PDB file of N, CA and C in Angstrom:
ATOM      1  N   MET A   1      76.740 106.159  88.358  1.00  0.00           N
ATOM      2  CA  MET A   1      77.414 106.021  87.474  1.00  0.00           C
ATOM      3  C   MET A   1      78.531 106.731  87.069  1.00  0.00           C
ATOM      4  N   VAL A   2      79.239 105.537  87.235  1.00  0.00           N
ATOM      5  CA  VAL A   2      81.147 106.612  87.203  1.00  0.00           C
ATOM      6  C   VAL A   2      81.637 105.699  85.733  1.00  0.00           C
ATOM      7  N   LYS A   3      82.291 106.705  84.736  1.00  0.00           N
ATOM      8  CA  LYS A   3      83.323 105.732  83.432  1.00  0.00           C
ATOM      9  C   LYS A   3      84.403 106.780  83.548  1.00  0.00           C
ATOM     10  N   THR A   4      85.238 105.655  83.995  1.00  0.00           N
ATOM     11  CA  THR A   4      86.582 105.296  83.524  1.00  0.00           C
ATOM     12  C   THR A   4      87.357 104.481  82.971  1.00  0.00           C
ATOM     13  N   LEU A   5      88.776 104.651  82.685  1.00  0.00           N
ATOM     14  CA  LEU A   5      89.648 103.615  82.318  1.00  0.00           C
ATOM     15  C   LEU A   5      89.078 103.134  80.773  1.00  0.00           C
ATOM     16  N   ASN A   6      88.010 103.973  79.797  1.00  0.00           N
ATOM     17  CA  ASN A   6      87.754 103.852  78.544  1.00  0.00           C
ATOM     18  C   ASN A   6      89.327 103.907  78.089  1.00  0.00           C
ATOM     19  N   THR A   7      89.817 104.978  78.041  1.00  0.00           N
ATOM     20  CA  THR A   7      91.261 105.371  77.221  1.00  0.00           C
ATOM     21  C   THR A   7      92.218 104.897  77.323  1.00  0.00           C
ATOM     22  N   VAL A   8      92.573 103.933  78.200  1.00  0.00           N
ATOM     23  CA  VAL A   8      93.766 102.651  78.404  1.00  0.00           C
ATOM     24  C   VAL A   8      93.721 101.981  78.550  1.00  0.00           C
ATOM     25  N   LEU A   9      94.537 100.426  77.093  1.00  0.00           N
ATOM     26  CA  LEU A   9      94.869  99.414  76.791  1.00  0.00           C
ATOM     27  C   LEU A   9      94.773  98.256  78.150  1.00  0.00           C
ATOM     28  N   SER A  10      93.867  97.495  78.415  1.00  0.00           N
ATOM     29  CA  SER A  10      93.283  96.409  79.402  1.00  0.00           C
ATOM     30  C   SER A  10      94.681  96.585  80.127  1.00  0.00           C
ATOM     31  N   PRO A  11      96.213  95.678  80.346  1.00  0.00           N
ATOM     32  CA  PRO A  11      96.847  95.762  80.859  1.00  0.00           C
ATOM     33  C   PRO A  11      97.440  96.250  81.606  1.00  0.00           C
ATOM     34  N   VAL A  12      97.961  98.093  81.323  1.00  0.00           N
ATOM     35  CA  VAL A  12      97.412  99.756  81.923  1.00  0.00           C
ATOM     36  C   VAL A  12      96.859  99.652  82.953  1.00  0.00           C
ATOM     37  N   MET A  13      95.587  98.919  82.539  1.00  0.00           N
ATOM     38  CA  MET A  13      94.158  99.634  83.853  1.00  0.00           C
ATOM     39  C   MET A  13      94.443  99.222  85.379  1.00  0.00           C
ATOM     40  N   ALA A  14      95.082  97.683  85.106  1.00  0.00           N
ATOM     41  CA  ALA A  14      95.218  97.569  86.305  1.00  0.00           C
ATOM     42  C   ALA A  14      97.082  97.280  86.512  1.00  0.00           C
ATOM     43  N   ASN A  15      97.757  97.938  86.515  1.00  0.00           N
ATOM     44  CA  ASN A  15      99.572  97.816  86.351  1.00  0.00           C
ATOM     45  C   ASN A  15      99.793  99.453  85.879  1.00  0.00           C
ATOM     46  N   PRO A  16      99.745 100.698  86.034  1.00  0.00           N
ATOM     47  CA  PRO A  16      99.620 101.688  85.013  1.00  0.00           C
ATOM     48  C   PRO A  16     101.358 101.845  85.608  1.00  0.00           C
ATOM     49  N   ASP A  17     102.099 100.499  86.091  1.00  0.00           N
ATOM     50  CA  ASP A  17     103.211 101.166  86.803  1.00  0.00           C
ATOM     51  C   ASP A  17     104.519 100.312  85.597  1.00  0.00           C
ATOM     52  N   LEU A  18     102.955 100.081  83.716  1.00  0.00           N
ATOM     53  CA  LEU A  18     103.991  99.489  83.000  1.00  0.00           C
ATOM     54  C   LEU A  18     104.043 100.414  81.978  1.00  0.00           C
ATOM     55  N   LEU A  19     104.051 101.792  82.085  1.00  0.00           N
ATOM     56  CA  LEU A  19     104.417 102.192  81.623  1.00  0.00           C
ATOM     57  C   LEU A  19     105.358 103.407  81.383  1.00  0.00           C
ATOM     58  N   ARG A  20     106.490 103.784  80.775  1.00  0.00           N
ATOM     59  CA  ARG A  20     107.438 104.705  81.079  1.00  0.00           C
ATOM     60  C   ARG A  20     107.118 105.869  82.184  1.00  0.00           C
ATOM     61  N   SER A  21     106.524 106.817  81.660  1.00  0.00           N
ATOM     62  CA  SER A  21     105.567 107.873  82.016  1.00  0.00           C
ATOM     63  C   SER A  21     104.304 107.992  82.647  1.00  0.00           C
ATOM     64  N   PRO A  22     104.198 108.494  83.685  1.00  0.00           N
ATOM     65  CA  PRO A  22     102.396 108.476  84.502  1.00  0.00           C
ATOM     66  C   PRO A  22     101.581 109.154  82.894  1.00  0.00           C
ATOM     67  N   ALA A  23     100.251 108.142  83.034  1.00  0.00           N
ATOM     68  CA  ALA A  23      99.664 108.367  82.155  1.00  0.00           C
ATOM     69  C   ALA A  23      98.153 109.182  82.787  1.00  0.00           C
ATOM     70  N   THR A  24      97.250 109.699  82.429  1.00  0.00           N
ATOM     71  CA  THR A  24      96.419 110.392  83.156  1.00  0.00           C
ATOM     72  C   THR A  24      95.333 109.694  82.908  1.00  0.00           C
ATOM     73  N   VAL A  25      93.906 109.520  84.069  1.00  0.00           N
ATOM     74  CA  VAL A  25      92.869 108.209  83.629  1.00  0.00           C
ATOM     75  C   VAL A  25      91.692 109.322  83.407  1.00  0.00           C
ATOM     76  N   PHE A  26      90.712 109.434  83.150  1.00  0.00           N
ATOM     77  CA  PHE A  26      89.265 110.339  83.380  1.00  0.00           C
ATOM     78  C   PHE A  26      88.442 109.320  83.880  1.00  0.00           C
ATOM     79  N   VAL A  27      87.765 110.717  84.948  1.00  0.00           N
ATOM     80  CA  VAL A  27      87.231 110.656  86.019  1.00  0.00           C
ATOM     81  C   VAL A  27      85.468 110.953  85.174  1.00  0.00           C
ATOM     82  N   SER A  28      85.000 110.355  85.032  1.00  0.00           N
ATOM     83  CA  SER A  28      83.267 111.371  84.303  1.00  0.00           C
ATOM     84  C   SER A  28      82.119 110.831  85.601  1.00  0.00           C
ATOM     85  N   GLY A  29      81.943 111.703  85.972  1.00  0.00           N
ATOM     86  CA  GLY A  29      80.133 110.565  86.723  1.00  0.00           C
ATOM     87  C   GLY A  29      79.109 112.042  87.410  1.00  0.00           C
ATOM     88  N   ASN A  30      77.922 112.257  87.643  1.00  0.00           N
ATOM     89  CA  ASN A  30      77.446 113.072  88.708  1.00  0.00           C
ATOM     90  C   ASN A  30      77.375 113.300  89.973  1.00  0.00           C
ATOM     91  N   ASP A  31      77.525 111.596  90.475  1.00  0.00           N
ATOM     92  CA  ASP A  31      77.711 111.894  91.719  1.00  0.00           C
ATOM     93  C   ASP A  31      79.287 111.648  92.144  1.00  0.00           C
ATOM     94  N   ASP A  32      79.116 112.750  93.277  1.00  0.00           N
ATOM     95  CA  ASP A  32      80.037 112.923  93.934  1.00  0.00           C
ATOM     96  C   ASP A  32      80.989 111.598  95.206  1.00  0.00           C
ATOM     97  N   GLY A  33      79.932 111.177  95.387  1.00  0.00           N
ATOM     98  CA  GLY A  33      80.370 110.022  96.108  1.00  0.00           C
ATOM     99  C   GLY A  33      80.591 108.951  95.344  1.00  0.00           C
ATOM    100  N   ALA A  34      80.359 108.355  94.090  1.00  0.00           N
ATOM    101  CA  ALA A  34      81.022 107.216  93.505  1.00  0.00           C
ATOM    102  C   ALA A  34      81.563 107.643  92.862  1.00  0.00           C
ATOM    103  N   LYS A  35      82.043 109.254  92.787  1.00  0.00           N
ATOM    104  CA  LYS A  35      83.111 109.292  92.022  1.00  0.00           C
ATOM    105  C   LYS A  35      84.492 109.264  92.808  1.00  0.00           C
ATOM    106  N   ALA A  36      84.142 109.493  94.692  1.00  0.00           N
ATOM    107  CA  ALA A  36      85.351 109.458  95.418  1.00  0.00           C
ATOM    108  C   ALA A  36      85.587 107.391  95.430  1.00  0.00           C
ATOM    109  N   VAL A  37      84.644 106.877  95.474  1.00  0.00           N
ATOM    110  CA  VAL A  37      84.252 105.307  95.703  1.00  0.00           C
ATOM    111  C   VAL A  37      85.691 105.260  94.418  1.00  0.00           C
ATOM    112  N   THR A  38      85.275 105.212  93.056  1.00  0.00           N
ATOM    113  CA  THR A  38      85.960 105.271  91.620  1.00  0.00           C
ATOM    114  C   THR A  38      87.879 105.992  91.779  1.00  0.00           C
ATOM    115  N   ARG A  39      87.988 106.818  92.552  1.00  0.00           N
ATOM    116  CA  ARG A  39      89.025 107.240  92.381  1.00  0.00           C
ATOM    117  C   ARG A  39      89.779 106.340  93.843  1.00  0.00           C
ATOM    118  N   GLU A  40      89.066 106.406  94.933  1.00  0.00           N
ATOM    119  CA  GLU A  40      89.740 105.047  95.563  1.00  0.00           C
ATOM    120  C   GLU A  40      89.964 103.475  94.871  1.00  0.00           C
ATOM    121  N   LEU A  41      89.163 103.449  93.843  1.00  0.00           N
ATOM    122  CA  LEU A  41      90.134 102.297  93.309  1.00  0.00           C
ATOM    123  C   LEU A  41      90.793 102.283  92.531  1.00  0.00           C
ATOM    124  N   LEU A  42      90.495 103.547  91.754  1.00  0.00           N
ATOM    125  CA  LEU A  42      91.776 103.748  90.453  1.00  0.00           C
ATOM    126  C   LEU A  42      92.926 103.823  91.582  1.00  0.00           C
ATOM    127  N   ARG A  43      93.226 104.329  92.787  1.00  0.00           N
ATOM    128  CA  ARG A  43      94.392 104.782  93.739  1.00  0.00           C
ATOM    129  C   ARG A  43      94.519 103.186  94.002  1.00  0.00           C
ATOM    130  N   ASP A  44      94.385 102.402  94.091  1.00  0.00           N
ATOM    131  CA  ASP A  44      94.416 100.628  94.552  1.00  0.00           C
ATOM    132  C   ASP A  44      94.856  99.996  93.618  1.00  0.00           C
ATOM    133  N   LEU A  45      94.380 100.379  92.689  1.00  0.00           N
ATOM    134  CA  LEU A  45      94.967  99.946  91.222  1.00  0.00           C
ATOM    135  C   LEU A  45      96.636 100.600  91.136  1.00  0.00           C
ATOM    136  N   GLY A  46      97.119 101.825  91.861  1.00  0.00           N
ATOM    137  CA  GLY A  46      98.460 102.083  91.637  1.00  0.00           C
ATOM    138  C   GLY A  46      98.076 103.452  90.474  1.00  0.00           C
ATOM    139  N   TRP A  47      97.102 104.053  90.455  1.00  0.00           N
ATOM    140  CA  TRP A  47      96.812 105.190  90.014  1.00  0.00           C
ATOM    141  C   TRP A  47      97.155 106.656  90.451  1.00  0.00           C
ATOM    142  N   SER A  48      98.036 107.663  90.792  1.00  0.00           N
ATOM    143  CA  SER A  48      98.217 108.339  91.563  1.00  0.00           C
ATOM    144  C   SER A  48      96.792 109.548  92.031  1.00  0.00           C
ATOM    145  N   ASP A  49      96.912 109.865  92.401  1.00  0.00           N
ATOM    146  CA  ASP A  49      95.901 111.056  92.410  1.00  0.00           C
ATOM    147  C   ASP A  49      96.226 112.032  91.666  1.00  0.00           C
ATOM    148  N   ARG A  50      97.552 112.277  91.107  1.00  0.00           N
ATOM    149  CA  ARG A  50      97.985 113.562  89.456  1.00  0.00           C
ATOM    150  C   ARG A  50      97.854 113.161  88.351  1.00  0.00           C
ATOM    151  N   SER A  51      97.402 111.609  88.592  1.00  0.00           N
ATOM    152  CA  SER A  51      96.986 110.812  86.801  1.00  0.00           C
ATOM    153  C   SER A  51      95.994 111.254  87.437  1.00  0.00           C
ATOM    154  N   ILE A  52      94.509 111.085  87.987  1.00  0.00           N
ATOM    155  CA  ILE A  52      93.355 110.810  87.822  1.00  0.00           C
ATOM    156  C   ILE A  52      92.987 112.353  87.579  1.00  0.00           C
ATOM    157  N   GLU A  53      91.689 112.557  86.581  1.00  0.00           N
ATOM    158  CA  GLU A  53      91.664 114.070  86.290  1.00  0.00           C
ATOM    159  C   GLU A  53      89.678 113.490  86.302  1.00  0.00           C
ATOM    160  N   ASP A  54      89.084 114.485  86.861  1.00  0.00           N
ATOM    161  CA  ASP A  54      87.601 114.341  86.699  1.00  0.00           C
ATOM    162  C   ASP A  54      87.190 115.361  86.068  1.00  0.00           C
ATOM    163  N   LEU A  55      86.841 114.788  85.137  1.00  0.00           N
ATOM    164  CA  LEU A  55      86.065 115.919  83.484  1.00  0.00           C
ATOM    165  C   LEU A  55      84.920 115.936  83.929  1.00  0.00           C
ATOM    166  N   GLY A  56      84.045 115.843  85.218  1.00  0.00           N
ATOM    167  CA  GLY A  56      82.944 116.549  85.666  1.00  0.00           C
ATOM    168  C   GLY A  56      81.771 115.380  85.348  1.00  0.00           C
ATOM    169  N   ARG A  57      80.426 115.957  85.081  1.00  0.00           N
ATOM    170  CA  ARG A  57      79.130 115.519  84.624  1.00  0.00           C
ATOM    171  C   ARG A  57      79.692 114.455  83.683  1.00  0.00           C
ATOM    172  N   ILE A  58      78.586 113.004  83.573  1.00  0.00           N
ATOM    173  CA  ILE A  58      78.736 111.787  82.922  1.00  0.00           C
ATOM    174  C   ILE A  58      78.951 112.186  81.182  1.00  0.00           C
ATOM    175  N   ASN A  59      78.491 113.179  81.393  1.00  0.00           N
ATOM    176  CA  ASN A  59      78.190 113.400  79.434  1.00  0.00           C
ATOM    177  C   ASN A  59      79.405 113.620  79.535  1.00  0.00           C
ATOM    178  N   SER A  60      80.083 114.061  80.146  1.00  0.00           N
ATOM    179  CA  SER A  60      81.782 114.305  79.763  1.00  0.00           C
ATOM    180  C   SER A  60      82.593 113.186  79.432  1.00  0.00           C
ATOM    181  N   ALA A  61      82.057 112.288  79.449  1.00  0.00           N
ATOM    182  CA  ALA A  61      82.414 110.605  78.815  1.00  0.00           C
ATOM    183  C   ALA A  61      82.425 110.627  77.669  1.00  0.00           C
ATOM    184  N   ARG A  62      81.694 111.637  76.520  1.00  0.00           N
ATOM    185  CA  ARG A  62      81.814 111.688  75.700  1.00  0.00           C
ATOM    186  C   ARG A  62      83.072 112.095  74.904  1.00  0.00           C
ATOM    187  N   GLY A  63      83.694 112.915  75.089  1.00  0.00           N
ATOM    188  CA  GLY A  63      85.335 112.947  74.764  1.00  0.00           C
ATOM    189  C   GLY A  63      85.506 112.289  75.091  1.00  0.00           C
ATOM    190  N   THR A  64      85.785 111.224  75.776  1.00  0.00           N
ATOM    191  CA  THR A  64      87.004 110.247  76.191  1.00  0.00           C
ATOM    192  C   THR A  64      86.311 108.887  75.483  1.00  0.00           C
ATOM    193  N   GLU A  65      85.437 109.142  75.196  1.00  0.00           N
ATOM    194  CA  GLU A  65      85.537 107.743  73.666  1.00  0.00           C
ATOM    195  C   GLU A  65      85.871 107.955  72.657  1.00  0.00           C
ATOM    196  N   ALA A  66      85.765 109.779  72.260  1.00  0.00           N
ATOM    197  CA  ALA A  66      86.653 110.138  71.160  1.00  0.00           C
ATOM    198  C   ALA A  66      87.830 109.714  70.959  1.00  0.00           C
ATOM    199  N   LEU A  67      88.717 109.558  72.407  1.00  0.00           N
ATOM    200  CA  LEU A  67      89.811 109.709  72.121  1.00  0.00           C
ATOM    201  C   LEU A  67      90.327 108.517  71.829  1.00  0.00           C
ATOM    202  N   ILE A  68      89.506 107.133  72.346  1.00  0.00           N
ATOM    203  CA  ILE A  68      90.360 106.239  71.953  1.00  0.00           C
ATOM    204  C   ILE A  68      90.091 106.009  70.828  1.00  0.00           C
ATOM    205  N   LEU A  69      89.685 106.352  69.832  1.00  0.00           N
ATOM    206  CA  LEU A  69      89.170 105.837  68.411  1.00  0.00           C
ATOM    207  C   LEU A  69      90.864 106.557  67.636  1.00  0.00           C
ATOM    208  N   LEU A  70      92.077 107.274  68.510  1.00  0.00           N
ATOM    209  CA  LEU A  70      93.066 106.927  68.199  1.00  0.00           C
ATOM    210  C   LEU A  70      93.847 105.515  67.700  1.00  0.00           C
ATOM    211  N   ALA A  71      93.440 104.767  68.823  1.00  0.00           N
ATOM    212  CA  ALA A  71      93.977 103.682  69.728  1.00  0.00           C
ATOM    213  C   ALA A  71      94.586 102.858  67.989  1.00  0.00           C
ATOM    214  N   PRO A  72      93.774 102.233  67.133  1.00  0.00           N
ATOM    215  CA  PRO A  72      93.981 101.403  66.090  1.00  0.00           C
ATOM    216  C   PRO A  72      95.631 102.435  64.745  1.00  0.00           C
ATOM    217  N   TYR A  73      95.297 103.432  65.334  1.00  0.00           N
ATOM    218  CA  TYR A  73      95.758 104.254  64.731  1.00  0.00           C
ATOM    219  C   TYR A  73      97.389 104.197  65.197  1.00  0.00           C
ATOM    220  N   LEU A  74      97.536 104.608  66.525  1.00  0.00           N
ATOM    221  CA  LEU A  74      98.295 104.264  67.270  1.00  0.00           C
ATOM    222  C   LEU A  74      99.661 102.364  67.524  1.00  0.00           C
ATOM    223  N   ILE A  75      98.585 101.613  67.263  1.00  0.00           N
ATOM    224  CA  ILE A  75      98.812 100.811  67.450  1.00  0.00           C
ATOM    225  C   ILE A  75      99.870 100.079  65.574  1.00  0.00           C
ATOM    226  N   ARG A  76      98.169 100.738  64.458  1.00  0.00           N
ATOM    227  CA  ARG A  76      99.243 100.601  62.938  1.00  0.00           C
ATOM    228  C   ARG A  76     100.596 101.299  62.769  1.00  0.00           C
ATOM    229  N   SER A  77     100.911 102.464  63.239  1.00  0.00           N
ATOM    230  CA  SER A  77     102.189 102.862  63.376  1.00  0.00           C
ATOM    231  C   SER A  77     103.239 102.733  64.358  1.00  0.00           C
ATOM    232  N   LYS A  78     103.274 102.216  65.769  1.00  0.00           N
ATOM    233  CA  LYS A  78     103.780 101.689  66.860  1.00  0.00           C
ATOM    234  C   LYS A  78     104.291 100.575  66.875  1.00  0.00           C
ATOM    235  N   GLY A  79     103.220  99.735  67.027  1.00  0.00           N
ATOM    236  CA  GLY A  79     103.069  98.142  66.572  1.00  0.00           C
ATOM    237  C   GLY A  79     102.368  98.315  67.983  1.00  0.00           C
ATOM    238  N   PHE A  80     101.785  97.191  68.372  1.00  0.00           N
ATOM    239  CA  PHE A  80     101.083  96.727  69.649  1.00  0.00           C
ATOM    240  C   PHE A  80     101.671  96.509  70.830  1.00  0.00           C
ATOM    241  N   ALA A  81     101.317  98.188  71.950  1.00  0.00           N
ATOM    242  CA  ALA A  81     102.433  98.592  73.110  1.00  0.00           C
ATOM    243  C   ALA A  81     101.151  98.360  73.786  1.00  0.00           C
ATOM    244  N   ASN A  82     101.979  98.860  75.639  1.00  0.00           N
ATOM    245  CA  ASN A  82     101.042  99.392  76.387  1.00  0.00           C
ATOM    246  C   ASN A  82     101.220 100.982  76.336  1.00  0.00           C
ATOM    247  N   PHE A  83     100.039 101.525  75.908  1.00  0.00           N
ATOM    248  CA  PHE A  83     100.234 102.998  76.200  1.00  0.00           C
ATOM    249  C   PHE A  83      98.865 103.515  76.768  1.00  0.00           C
ATOM    250  N   ALA A  84      98.930 105.272  76.979  1.00  0.00           N
ATOM    251  CA  ALA A  84      97.684 106.160  77.295  1.00  0.00           C
ATOM    252  C   ALA A  84      98.045 106.915  77.486  1.00  0.00           C
ATOM    253  N   LEU A  85      97.140 108.063  77.237  1.00  0.00           N
ATOM    254  CA  LEU A  85      97.416 109.522  77.021  1.00  0.00           C
ATOM    255  C   LEU A  85      97.933 109.858  78.465  1.00  0.00           C
ATOM    256  N   SER A  86      98.534 111.203  78.308  1.00  0.00           N
ATOM    257  CA  SER A  86      98.728 111.901  79.300  1.00  0.00           C
ATOM    258  C   SER A  86      98.440 113.472  79.252  1.00  0.00           C
ATOM    259  N   VAL A  87      97.877 113.844  80.288  1.00  0.00           N
ATOM    260  CA  VAL A  87      97.488 115.578  80.016  1.00  0.00           C
ATOM    261  C   VAL A  87      98.971 116.012  80.769  1.00  0.00           C
ATOM    262  N   VAL A  88      99.630 117.422  80.190  1.00  0.00           N
ATOM    263  CA  VAL A  88     100.465 117.593  80.572  1.00  0.00           C
ATOM    264  C   VAL A  88     100.124 118.857  81.230  1.00  0.00           C
ATOM    265  N   ARG A  89     100.703 120.062  82.032  1.00  0.00           N
ATOM    266  CA  ARG A  89     100.498 120.697  82.358  1.00  0.00           C
ATOM    267  C   ARG A  89     101.440 121.684  82.630  1.00  0.00           C
TER     268      ARG A  89
END
């Protein structure tokens, strides 16, 4: 089992180029092979390797679930628009 794409709105999931700047998509899972397949599928959707952030084991998905709690507040303050989070290094 692999968890991903739970911090982006559905239009952005399949077309990350809708955003003005690159977003980060998080990947959590216990099986390295399954995560490799997931990364390949994400690349097929247009996510770059630099945008894919492997958080480790599946229990890390709890953290990404908490991130999406920001969505209703962002929508209320900015209006409904395509958005996603980005890890900046």
